[in-house]
Amino acid sequence: MKLLLFALFVAAAPLGAFGQSPAQKPPAPQHPSTPASQEITTEQIAAPTQVPPITSTQTNLPGRLEPEQVKALAHKIWLAQFRLNDLLAQVHPEKWKMPPEAQKSFDQSLDSLRKALAAEEEWRSQFEARPDSLYLGFQTYVAISAVLPRVDGVAHSVSHYENASFGAQYSQSANQLFDLQQAIEPHLAFLLKNQDNVLVVAQSNLASCENQLNTAMSGKQAPAIPMKNITPEFKGHGRAAHAKEAPAASTGERKSGTPAKTGTPKRKSGTKPASTTQK
């Protein structure tokens, strides 16, 4: 009975292997020279446009303003300056009843205010173009500080000699300009602190590099060799040098057998000396 079952098992094994589906057969490995199939999945690398932007760690720091905010603030400063220039165009001090000395002083104050506003506009336009510049922001802040006291002087004279309400308009524009100046100050403090931190980090990195270099070069440099004190010998071309070279040259000629030419040359036999007088 066992032999019969064993014979049936041996007979059924080849039939089962033959009846397997071709899909279950493992695929043969491809030759390296053959092109890869399109079904093989590769690593998907995101395009540069799909990479999420890197958020700055200084975004939420107190006092920092975005470039758009700085430009909007600079535009408000321009509006305050435009209002002041419009008010200055409406002033006519020649119609006031005031002493000549006072009128001369007011004209000087008015001219000084116009120049201060022009200087402020120059710095403000540059700071609006470069809102991250600490230098331009500082110069704009200082220019506003130069404008404010001059506006107060003009407003006082206008209120006294023309109209109190008209002088109040000058004071109102000056107050707006002062508020805008105070709004710039935190941003300038942030820029100054940021540059100070960069300087401190650069100095610490430089000190660390110097320490590492000194540690790496320690024991690798040869000791210094002392030199003896030697009196230098200068070979110049002065009169003393020429005086020493002249006897040496004559001595060399005598040793070589060439006679030195001294005195008058010898006459050949049968020749008459040349006469120096004419008949």
Protein backbone atom coordinates (compact mmCIF):
# COMPACT_ATOMS: atom_id res chain seq x y z
CA MET A 1 0.00 0.00 0.00
CA LYS A 2 2.80 2.42 0.84
CA LEU A 3 4.55 1.58 -2.36
CA LEU A 4 1.38 2.34 -4.32
CA LEU A 5 0.95 5.75 -2.67
CA PHE A 6 4.61 6.61 -3.26
CA ALA A 7 4.26 5.73 -6.95
CA LEU A 8 1.20 7.91 -7.32
CA PHE A 9 2.99 10.88 -5.63
CA VAL A 10 6.01 10.56 -7.93
CA ALA A 11 3.73 10.45 -10.98
CA ALA A 12 1.69 13.50 -9.89
CA ALA A 13 4.70 15.79 -9.10
CA PRO A 14 5.81 16.46 -12.73
CA LEU A 15 2.21 17.10 -13.74
CA GLY A 16 1.81 19.74 -11.01
CA ALA A 17 5.02 21.47 -12.02
CA PHE A 18 3.95 21.44 -15.64
CA GLY A 19 0.55 22.92 -14.79
CA GLN A 20 1.93 26.07 -13.16
CA SER A 21 0.97 29.42 -14.79
CA PRO A 22 3.72 31.25 -16.70
CA ALA A 23 2.86 34.43 -14.78
CA GLN A 24 4.14 32.88 -11.58
CA LYS A 25 7.58 32.29 -13.07
CA PRO A 26 10.09 34.81 -11.69
CA PRO A 27 11.36 37.23 -14.38
CA ALA A 28 14.92 36.77 -15.61
CA PRO A 29 17.35 39.54 -14.68
CA GLN A 30 18.10 41.98 -17.46
CA HIS A 31 21.52 42.33 -18.94
CA PRO A 32 23.31 45.54 -17.93
CA SER A 33 23.59 46.62 -21.57
CA THR A 34 19.85 46.33 -22.24
CA PRO A 35 17.67 49.43 -21.63
CA ALA A 36 15.66 49.50 -18.42
CA SER A 37 11.95 48.84 -18.58
CA GLN A 38 9.53 51.71 -18.10
CA GLU A 39 7.76 49.82 -15.35
CA ILE A 40 10.72 50.23 -12.97
CA THR A 41 9.99 53.00 -10.46
CA THR A 42 12.79 55.49 -9.76
CA GLU A 43 13.25 58.09 -7.07
CA GLN A 44 11.11 61.16 -7.62
CA ILE A 45 13.13 64.40 -7.19
CA ALA A 46 11.08 67.53 -6.70
CA ALA A 47 11.64 70.41 -9.12
CA PRO A 48 13.18 73.60 -7.77
CA THR A 49 9.83 75.36 -8.10
CA GLN A 50 8.19 72.75 -5.87
CA VAL A 51 10.69 73.11 -3.05
CA PRO A 52 9.04 74.90 -0.11
CA PRO A 53 10.66 78.26 0.72
CA ILE A 54 13.03 78.37 3.68
CA THR A 55 11.53 80.41 6.47
CA SER A 56 13.86 82.85 8.15
CA THR A 57 14.41 82.56 11.88
CA GLN A 58 14.34 86.34 12.20
CA THR A 59 10.79 86.82 10.92
CA ASN A 60 9.14 87.27 14.31
CA LEU A 61 11.85 89.32 15.99
CA PRO A 62 10.61 92.51 17.65
CA GLY A 63 11.15 95.71 15.69
CA ARG A 64 11.76 94.06 12.34
CA LEU A 65 9.77 95.37 9.38
CA GLU A 66 9.26 93.67 6.07
CA PRO A 67 10.50 95.51 2.97
CA GLU A 68 6.90 96.22 1.95
CA GLN A 69 6.19 97.74 5.36
CA VAL A 70 9.28 99.96 5.16
CA LYS A 71 8.28 101.16 1.69
CA ALA A 72 4.77 101.95 2.92
CA LEU A 73 6.25 103.89 5.83
CA ALA A 74 8.53 105.81 3.50
CA HIS A 75 5.55 106.69 1.31
CA LYS A 76 3.74 108.12 4.34
CA ILE A 77 6.80 110.25 5.07
CA TRP A 78 6.64 111.54 1.51
CA LEU A 79 2.99 112.51 1.98
CA ALA A 80 3.86 114.46 5.14
CA GLN A 81 6.66 116.25 3.27
CA PHE A 82 4.32 117.05 0.39
CA ARG A 83 1.84 118.59 2.83
CA LEU A 84 4.56 120.76 4.36
CA ASN A 85 5.75 121.97 0.96
CA ASP A 86 2.15 122.81 0.06
CA LEU A 87 1.80 124.87 3.24
CA LEU A 88 5.07 126.66 2.56
CA ALA A 89 3.81 127.69 -0.86
CA GLN A 90 0.89 129.48 0.78
CA VAL A 91 3.04 131.66 3.06
CA HIS A 92 3.46 135.32 2.01
CA PRO A 93 5.63 137.05 4.64
CA GLU A 94 5.90 140.20 2.53
CA LYS A 95 2.28 140.98 3.44
CA TRP A 96 2.86 140.74 7.16
CA LYS A 97 3.27 143.72 9.40
CA MET A 98 6.56 142.85 11.07
CA PRO A 99 9.90 144.61 11.65
CA PRO A 100 12.56 144.22 8.94
CA GLU A 101 14.85 142.30 11.27
CA ALA A 102 12.09 139.81 12.09
CA GLN A 103 11.18 139.43 8.42
CA LYS A 104 14.81 138.77 7.52
CA SER A 105 15.06 136.13 10.24
CA PHE A 106 11.84 134.47 9.08
CA ASP A 107 13.06 134.38 5.47
CA GLN A 108 16.22 132.63 6.62
CA SER A 109 14.17 130.12 8.63
CA LEU A 110 11.92 129.49 5.63
CA ASP A 111 14.89 128.91 3.33
CA SER A 112 16.52 126.61 5.87
CA LEU A 113 13.31 124.57 6.16
CA ARG A 114 13.07 124.14 2.39
CA LYS A 115 16.68 122.91 2.22
CA ALA A 116 16.07 120.50 5.10
CA LEU A 117 13.01 119.08 3.35
CA ALA A 118 15.00 118.61 0.12
CA ALA A 119 17.75 116.76 1.98
CA GLU A 120 15.18 114.59 3.75
CA GLU A 121 13.53 113.68 0.46
CA GLU A 122 16.87 112.64 -1.02
CA TRP A 123 17.62 110.25 1.86
CA ARG A 124 14.03 109.03 2.02
CA SER A 125 13.95 108.02 -1.66
CA GLN A 126 17.18 106.06 -1.30
CA PHE A 127 15.93 104.34 1.86
CA GLU A 128 12.69 103.41 0.09
CA ALA A 129 14.72 101.72 -2.66
CA ARG A 130 16.90 99.87 -0.13
CA PRO A 131 14.80 99.23 3.00
CA ASP A 132 17.42 96.90 4.50
CA SER A 133 20.14 99.58 4.57
CA LEU A 134 20.97 100.73 8.08
CA TYR A 135 22.98 103.69 6.75
CA LEU A 136 20.15 105.08 4.60
CA GLY A 137 17.61 104.54 7.35
CA PHE A 138 19.79 106.34 9.86
CA GLN A 139 20.31 109.27 7.49
CA THR A 140 16.55 109.50 6.94
CA TYR A 141 15.99 109.51 10.69
CA VAL A 142 18.56 112.28 11.16
CA ALA A 143 17.08 114.32 8.28
CA ILE A 144 13.65 114.23 9.90
CA SER A 145 15.22 115.42 13.16
CA ALA A 146 16.62 118.41 11.25
CA VAL A 147 13.21 119.28 9.76
CA LEU A 148 11.06 119.17 12.91
CA PRO A 149 12.50 122.14 14.87
CA ARG A 150 12.45 124.33 11.76
CA VAL A 151 8.78 123.52 11.20
CA ASP A 152 8.01 124.54 14.77
CA GLY A 153 9.73 127.91 14.25
CA VAL A 154 7.82 128.61 11.05
CA ALA A 155 4.53 127.51 12.65
CA HIS A 156 5.08 129.89 15.56
CA SER A 157 5.71 132.85 13.22
CA VAL A 158 2.71 132.00 11.03
CA SER A 159 0.43 131.75 14.08
CA HIS A 160 1.69 135.09 15.40
CA TYR A 161 1.70 137.21 12.23
CA GLU A 162 -0.99 135.62 10.02
CA ASN A 163 -3.45 133.10 11.44
CA ALA A 164 -3.45 130.74 14.40
CA SER A 165 -5.38 128.02 12.56
CA PHE A 166 -2.97 128.21 9.63
CA GLY A 167 -0.03 127.81 12.00
CA ALA A 168 -1.74 124.82 13.61
CA GLN A 169 -1.66 123.05 10.25
CA TYR A 170 2.13 123.27 10.29
CA SER A 171 2.21 121.81 13.78
CA GLN A 172 -0.12 118.99 12.75
CA SER A 173 2.13 118.03 9.80
CA ALA A 174 5.17 118.15 12.07
CA ASN A 175 3.45 115.81 14.56
CA GLN A 176 2.69 113.32 11.79
CA LEU A 177 6.29 113.43 10.66
CA PHE A 178 7.46 112.87 14.22
CA ASP A 179 5.21 109.80 14.62
CA LEU A 180 6.59 108.33 11.39
CA GLN A 181 10.12 108.93 12.62
CA GLN A 182 9.36 107.02 15.82
CA ALA A 183 7.96 104.15 13.72
CA ILE A 184 11.31 103.83 11.91
CA GLU A 185 13.37 103.65 15.10
CA PRO A 186 12.59 99.98 16.07
CA HIS A 187 13.50 98.80 12.59
CA LEU A 188 16.80 100.69 12.71
CA ALA A 189 17.54 99.20 16.13
CA PHE A 190 16.92 95.73 14.70
CA LEU A 191 19.27 96.34 11.77
CA LEU A 192 21.94 97.69 14.10
CA LYS A 193 21.66 94.71 16.43
CA ASN A 194 21.76 92.30 13.50
CA GLN A 195 24.97 93.81 12.15
CA ASP A 196 26.49 93.78 15.63
CA ASN A 197 25.68 90.06 15.94
CA VAL A 198 27.27 89.38 12.56
CA LEU A 199 30.42 91.20 13.65
CA VAL A 200 30.61 89.26 16.93
CA VAL A 201 30.15 85.94 15.14
CA ALA A 202 32.83 86.84 12.57
CA GLN A 203 35.29 87.78 15.32
CA SER A 204 34.62 84.57 17.26
CA ASN A 205 35.03 82.46 14.11
CA LEU A 206 38.30 84.22 13.31
CA ALA A 207 39.60 83.59 16.82
CA SER A 208 38.61 79.93 16.60
CA CYS A 209 40.37 79.56 13.24
CA GLU A 210 43.51 81.15 14.65
CA ASN A 211 43.49 78.79 17.62
CA GLN A 212 43.03 75.75 15.38
CA LEU A 213 45.80 76.92 13.08
CA ASN A 214 48.18 77.49 15.98
CA THR A 215 47.39 74.04 17.36
CA ALA A 216 47.91 72.39 13.96
CA MET A 217 51.19 74.23 13.28
CA SER A 218 52.67 73.77 16.76
CA GLY A 219 55.87 71.71 16.62
CA LYS A 220 56.01 71.71 12.81
CA GLN A 221 57.94 74.91 12.33
CA ALA A 222 61.75 74.82 12.45
CA PRO A 223 63.38 76.94 15.16
CA ALA A 224 64.88 80.23 14.14
CA ILE A 225 68.61 80.14 13.24
CA PRO A 226 70.63 83.01 14.68
CA MET A 227 72.76 84.94 12.17
CA LYS A 228 76.15 86.46 12.77
CA ASN A 229 76.64 90.19 12.64
CA ILE A 230 78.46 90.95 9.39
CA THR A 231 79.70 94.35 8.31
CA PRO A 232 78.19 94.96 4.88
CA GLU A 233 80.51 95.81 1.99
CA PHE A 234 79.03 98.34 -0.38
CA LYS A 235 80.26 98.37 -3.99
CA GLY A 236 79.27 101.73 -5.33
CA HIS A 237 80.19 103.68 -8.46
CA GLY A 238 81.36 106.90 -6.85
CA ARG A 239 84.60 108.81 -7.34
CA ALA A 240 86.47 106.60 -4.89
CA ALA A 241 85.53 103.51 -6.87
CA HIS A 242 86.68 105.06 -10.16
CA ALA A 243 89.95 106.14 -8.55
CA LYS A 244 90.64 102.56 -7.45
CA GLU A 245 89.74 101.07 -10.83
CA ALA A 246 92.08 103.40 -12.82
CA PRO A 247 95.46 102.09 -11.42
CA ALA A 248 94.20 98.55 -11.73
CA ALA A 249 93.49 99.07 -15.43
CA SER A 250 96.98 100.52 -16.15
CA THR A 251 98.65 97.70 -14.26
CA GLY A 252 96.73 95.16 -16.27
CA GLU A 253 97.90 96.70 -19.54
CA ARG A 254 101.53 96.57 -18.49
CA LYS A 255 101.29 92.96 -17.50
CA SER A 256 99.77 92.06 -20.84
CA GLY A 257 102.77 93.54 -22.73
CA THR A 258 101.08 96.51 -24.29
CA PRO A 259 103.11 99.68 -23.70
CA ALA A 260 101.31 102.65 -22.31
CA LYS A 261 101.12 105.67 -24.56
CA THR A 262 102.74 108.55 -22.76
CA GLY A 263 104.30 111.78 -24.09
CA THR A 264 104.54 112.72 -27.78
CA PRO A 265 104.55 110.10 -30.53
CA LYS A 266 107.87 109.24 -32.27
CA ARG A 267 108.53 110.56 -35.83
CA LYS A 268 109.44 108.29 -38.64
CA SER A 269 112.88 108.73 -40.24
CA GLY A 270 113.03 111.05 -43.27
CA THR A 271 110.05 113.11 -42.39
CA LYS A 272 110.02 116.74 -41.48
CA PRO A 273 108.08 118.11 -38.63
CA ALA A 274 104.97 119.95 -39.55
CA SER A 275 105.31 123.70 -39.51
CA THR A 276 102.85 125.55 -37.45
CA THR A 277 103.46 128.93 -39.15
CA GLN A 278 102.20 129.98 -42.54
CA LYS A 279 104.24 132.05 -44.95
